Amino acid sequence: MTKESIKMFTDGGSRNNPGPAAIGVWIETLNKKYSEYIGEKTNNEAEYEALIFGLKKIKSLIGKEKAKKTEVECYLDSELVVKQLNHEYKLSEKHIQDLFIKVWNLMPDFQKVSFCHIMREENKIADALVNEALDEREKQGSLL
């Protein structure tokens, strides 16, 4: 069985915390970029939502069969979320536990999913996607 590997960079952010939030996902290996406004959320919620969106998107792009043979490397600039997903930090808040479970439930769809912390400078594309979605939302809000 040949192993496929996909590199994905995700970011989530909110202006004010909590506040208007968005996600940014760059699936580098597939050269796909996504950004989306997700409503009022905290930064941590947005980070998880970006990861959930990205894993679901990869599966829909490559299909169920190929996903089973694929290793997904997830790069996030949220050290907290990475340490939670790698079982180094406990999850104390119920809504974060629920998001953690959503990520965990997506993992069996792939051969392997790993979570790596990177510095914000190494996550510029996903970060820019978050800001684009938030800027667009603010612009729409000022037009109303």
C-alpha atoms as a PDB file:
ATOM      1  CA  MET A   1       0.000   0.000   0.000  1.00  0.00           C
ATOM      2  CA  THR A   2       1.533   3.314  -1.051  1.00  0.00           C
ATOM      3  CA  LYS A   3       1.375   6.055   1.489  1.00  0.00           C
ATOM      4  CA  GLU A   4       0.210   9.484   0.415  1.00  0.00           C
ATOM      5  CA  SER A   5       1.093  12.547   2.449  1.00  0.00           C
ATOM      6  CA  ILE A   6      -0.734  15.861   2.617  1.00  0.00           C
ATOM      7  CA  LYS A   7       0.534  19.004   4.294  1.00  0.00           C
ATOM      8  CA  MET A   8      -2.120  21.381   5.621  1.00  0.00           C
ATOM      9  CA  PHE A   9      -1.745  24.737   7.339  1.00  0.00           C
ATOM     10  CA  THR A  10      -4.710  26.031   9.339  1.00  0.00           C
ATOM     11  CA  ASP A  11      -5.430  29.150  11.318  1.00  0.00           C
ATOM     12  CA  GLY A  12      -8.392  30.571  13.120  1.00  0.00           C
ATOM     13  CA  GLY A  13      -8.827  33.938  14.708  1.00  0.00           C
ATOM     14  CA  SER A  14     -11.272  36.353  16.192  1.00  0.00           C
ATOM     15  CA  ARG A  15     -11.238  40.101  16.497  1.00  0.00           C
ATOM     16  CA  ASN A  16     -11.805  40.733  20.160  1.00  0.00           C
ATOM     17  CA  ASN A  17     -11.891  37.480  22.019  1.00  0.00           C
ATOM     18  CA  PRO A  18     -14.637  36.308  21.637  1.00  0.00           C
ATOM     19  CA  GLY A  19     -15.711  38.266  18.603  1.00  0.00           C
ATOM     20  CA  PRO A  20     -16.177  38.029  14.850  1.00  0.00           C
ATOM     21  CA  ALA A  21     -14.154  34.981  13.840  1.00  0.00           C
ATOM     22  CA  ALA A  22     -12.871  33.320  10.683  1.00  0.00           C
ATOM     23  CA  ILE A  23     -10.851  30.349   9.530  1.00  0.00           C
ATOM     24  CA  GLY A  24      -8.072  29.995   7.002  1.00  0.00           C
ATOM     25  CA  VAL A  25      -6.990  26.673   5.498  1.00  0.00           C
ATOM     26  CA  TRP A  26      -4.153  26.121   3.036  1.00  0.00           C
ATOM     27  CA  ILE A  27      -3.829  22.543   1.834  1.00  0.00           C
ATOM     28  CA  GLU A  28      -0.334  23.003   0.456  1.00  0.00           C
ATOM     29  CA  THR A  29      -0.026  19.588  -1.193  1.00  0.00           C
ATOM     30  CA  LEU A  30      -3.258  20.072  -3.152  1.00  0.00           C
ATOM     31  CA  ASN A  31      -2.681  23.822  -3.676  1.00  0.00           C
ATOM     32  CA  LYS A  32      -6.119  24.689  -2.264  1.00  0.00           C
ATOM     33  CA  LYS A  33      -6.976  27.702  -0.117  1.00  0.00           C
ATOM     34  CA  TYR A  34     -10.150  28.344   1.854  1.00  0.00           C
ATOM     35  CA  SER A  35     -11.357  31.087   4.141  1.00  0.00           C
ATOM     36  CA  GLU A  36     -14.686  31.559   5.799  1.00  0.00           C
ATOM     37  CA  TYR A  37     -16.373  33.781   8.366  1.00  0.00           C
ATOM     38  CA  ILE A  38     -17.712  31.562  11.178  1.00  0.00           C
ATOM     39  CA  GLY A  39     -19.616  33.968  13.438  1.00  0.00           C
ATOM     40  CA  GLU A  40     -18.866  34.954  17.016  1.00  0.00           C
ATOM     41  CA  LYS A  41     -16.201  32.649  18.454  1.00  0.00           C
ATOM     42  CA  THR A  42     -13.061  32.690  20.603  1.00  0.00           C
ATOM     43  CA  ASN A  43      -9.599  32.351  19.050  1.00  0.00           C
ATOM     44  CA  ASN A  44      -9.318  28.766  20.322  1.00  0.00           C
ATOM     45  CA  GLU A  45     -12.715  27.796  18.909  1.00  0.00           C
ATOM     46  CA  ALA A  46     -11.712  29.278  15.555  1.00  0.00           C
ATOM     47  CA  GLU A  47      -8.428  27.311  15.583  1.00  0.00           C
ATOM     48  CA  TYR A  48     -10.332  24.053  16.092  1.00  0.00           C
ATOM     49  CA  GLU A  49     -12.983  24.976  13.505  1.00  0.00           C
ATOM     50  CA  ALA A  50     -10.241  25.583  10.907  1.00  0.00           C
ATOM     51  CA  LEU A  51      -8.756  22.160  11.564  1.00  0.00           C
ATOM     52  CA  ILE A  52     -12.170  20.446  11.374  1.00  0.00           C
ATOM     53  CA  PHE A  53     -12.965  22.255   8.124  1.00  0.00           C
ATOM     54  CA  GLY A  54      -9.580  21.301   6.640  1.00  0.00           C
ATOM     55  CA  LEU A  55      -9.799  17.598   7.493  1.00  0.00           C
ATOM     56  CA  LYS A  56     -13.324  17.369   6.087  1.00  0.00           C
ATOM     57  CA  LYS A  57     -12.231  19.237   2.951  1.00  0.00           C
ATOM     58  CA  ILE A  58      -9.263  16.924   2.331  1.00  0.00           C
ATOM     59  CA  LYS A  59     -11.514  13.866   2.599  1.00  0.00           C
ATOM     60  CA  SER A  60     -14.044  15.365   0.183  1.00  0.00           C
ATOM     61  CA  LEU A  61     -11.307  16.323  -2.301  1.00  0.00           C
ATOM     62  CA  ILE A  62      -9.433  13.012  -2.395  1.00  0.00           C
ATOM     63  CA  GLY A  63     -12.257  10.595  -1.544  1.00  0.00           C
ATOM     64  CA  LYS A  64     -12.808   8.071   1.198  1.00  0.00           C
ATOM     65  CA  GLU A  65     -10.606   5.297  -0.245  1.00  0.00           C
ATOM     66  CA  LYS A  66      -7.569   7.487  -0.845  1.00  0.00           C
ATOM     67  CA  ALA A  67      -8.030   9.198   2.539  1.00  0.00           C
ATOM     68  CA  LYS A  68      -7.561   5.835   4.285  1.00  0.00           C
ATOM     69  CA  LYS A  69      -4.069   5.593   2.738  1.00  0.00           C
ATOM     70  CA  THR A  70      -3.162   9.221   3.417  1.00  0.00           C
ATOM     71  CA  GLU A  71      -1.135  10.752   6.196  1.00  0.00           C
ATOM     72  CA  VAL A  72      -2.142  14.338   6.984  1.00  0.00           C
ATOM     73  CA  GLU A  73       0.379  16.691   8.581  1.00  0.00           C
ATOM     74  CA  CYS A  74      -1.484  19.592  10.222  1.00  0.00           C
ATOM     75  CA  TYR A  75       0.495  22.748  10.949  1.00  0.00           C
ATOM     76  CA  LEU A  76      -0.990  25.282  13.386  1.00  0.00           C
ATOM     77  CA  ASP A  77       0.437  28.345  15.082  1.00  0.00           C
ATOM     78  CA  SER A  78      -1.725  27.701  18.171  1.00  0.00           C
ATOM     79  CA  GLU A  79       0.577  25.956  20.617  1.00  0.00           C
ATOM     80  CA  LEU A  80      -2.367  25.441  22.992  1.00  0.00           C
ATOM     81  CA  VAL A  81      -4.479  23.551  20.429  1.00  0.00           C
ATOM     82  CA  VAL A  82      -1.529  21.432  19.249  1.00  0.00           C
ATOM     83  CA  LYS A  83      -0.642  20.490  22.843  1.00  0.00           C
ATOM     84  CA  GLN A  84      -4.279  19.638  23.576  1.00  0.00           C
ATOM     85  CA  LEU A  85      -4.503  17.427  20.471  1.00  0.00           C
ATOM     86  CA  ASN A  86      -1.191  15.755  21.339  1.00  0.00           C
ATOM     87  CA  HIS A  87      -2.462  15.052  24.893  1.00  0.00           C
ATOM     88  CA  GLU A  88       0.084  17.337  26.554  1.00  0.00           C
ATOM     89  CA  TYR A  89      -2.549  19.728  27.927  1.00  0.00           C
ATOM     90  CA  LYS A  90      -5.901  18.912  29.465  1.00  0.00           C
ATOM     91  CA  LEU A  91      -9.159  20.269  28.099  1.00  0.00           C
ATOM     92  CA  SER A  92     -11.152  21.998  30.806  1.00  0.00           C
ATOM     93  CA  GLU A  93     -13.876  23.812  28.851  1.00  0.00           C
ATOM     94  CA  LYS A  94     -16.870  21.789  27.615  1.00  0.00           C
ATOM     95  CA  HIS A  95     -17.151  23.590  24.233  1.00  0.00           C
ATOM     96  CA  ILE A  96     -13.430  22.981  23.556  1.00  0.00           C
ATOM     97  CA  GLN A  97     -13.837  19.311  24.545  1.00  0.00           C
ATOM     98  CA  ASP A  98     -16.650  19.052  21.974  1.00  0.00           C
ATOM     99  CA  LEU A  99     -14.426  20.526  19.235  1.00  0.00           C
ATOM    100  CA  PHE A 100     -11.557  18.234  20.261  1.00  0.00           C
ATOM    101  CA  ILE A 101     -13.908  15.235  19.896  1.00  0.00           C
ATOM    102  CA  LYS A 102     -14.932  16.411  16.404  1.00  0.00           C
ATOM    103  CA  VAL A 103     -11.255  16.455  15.352  1.00  0.00           C
ATOM    104  CA  TRP A 104     -10.644  13.089  17.022  1.00  0.00           C
ATOM    105  CA  ASN A 105     -13.621  11.551  15.224  1.00  0.00           C
ATOM    106  CA  LEU A 106     -12.238  12.678  11.840  1.00  0.00           C
ATOM    107  CA  MET A 107      -8.828  11.082  12.410  1.00  0.00           C
ATOM    108  CA  PRO A 108      -9.833   7.443  11.639  1.00  0.00           C
ATOM    109  CA  ASP A 109     -10.773   8.609   8.118  1.00  0.00           C
ATOM    110  CA  PHE A 110      -7.020   8.859   7.415  1.00  0.00           C
ATOM    111  CA  GLN A 111      -4.038   6.545   7.796  1.00  0.00           C
ATOM    112  CA  LYS A 112      -2.465   9.027  10.209  1.00  0.00           C
ATOM    113  CA  VAL A 113      -3.035  12.615  11.321  1.00  0.00           C
ATOM    114  CA  SER A 114      -0.303  14.570  13.089  1.00  0.00           C
ATOM    115  CA  PHE A 115      -0.385  18.022  14.680  1.00  0.00           C
ATOM    116  CA  CYS A 116       2.682  20.268  14.621  1.00  0.00           C
ATOM    117  CA  HIS A 117       3.144  23.667  16.175  1.00  0.00           C
ATOM    118  CA  ILE A 118       4.793  26.263  13.949  1.00  0.00           C
ATOM    119  CA  MET A 119       5.589  29.921  14.498  1.00  0.00           C
ATOM    120  CA  ARG A 120       3.111  32.500  13.190  1.00  0.00           C
ATOM    121  CA  GLU A 121       5.674  33.604  10.554  1.00  0.00           C
ATOM    122  CA  GLU A 122       5.559  30.078   9.093  1.00  0.00           C
ATOM    123  CA  ASN A 123       1.757  30.225   8.830  1.00  0.00           C
ATOM    124  CA  LYS A 124       1.417  33.435   6.819  1.00  0.00           C
ATOM    125  CA  ILE A 125      -0.878  32.047   4.111  1.00  0.00           C
ATOM    126  CA  ALA A 126      -3.503  30.605   6.474  1.00  0.00           C
ATOM    127  CA  ASP A 127      -3.255  33.735   8.653  1.00  0.00           C
ATOM    128  CA  ALA A 128      -3.813  35.984   5.629  1.00  0.00           C
ATOM    129  CA  LEU A 129      -6.881  33.917   4.684  1.00  0.00           C
ATOM    130  CA  VAL A 130      -8.366  34.501   8.161  1.00  0.00           C
ATOM    131  CA  ASN A 131      -7.797  38.237   7.868  1.00  0.00           C
ATOM    132  CA  GLU A 132      -9.262  38.358   4.345  1.00  0.00           C
ATOM    133  CA  ALA A 133     -12.477  36.716   5.586  1.00  0.00           C
ATOM    134  CA  LEU A 134     -12.693  39.084   8.582  1.00  0.00           C
ATOM    135  CA  ASP A 135     -11.963  42.164   6.454  1.00  0.00           C
ATOM    136  CA  GLU A 136     -14.611  41.081   3.938  1.00  0.00           C
ATOM    137  CA  ARG A 137     -17.143  40.587   6.738  1.00  0.00           C
ATOM    138  CA  GLU A 138     -16.370  44.043   8.182  1.00  0.00           C
ATOM    139  CA  LYS A 139     -16.745  45.591   4.737  1.00  0.00           C
ATOM    140  CA  GLN A 140     -20.134  43.891   4.277  1.00  0.00           C
ATOM    141  CA  GLY A 141     -21.174  45.052   7.744  1.00  0.00           C
ATOM    142  CA  SER A 142     -20.372  48.661   6.927  1.00  0.00           C
ATOM    143  CA  LEU A 143     -22.500  48.417   3.769  1.00  0.00           C
ATOM    144  CA  LEU A 144     -25.610  47.399   5.715  1.00  0.00           C
END
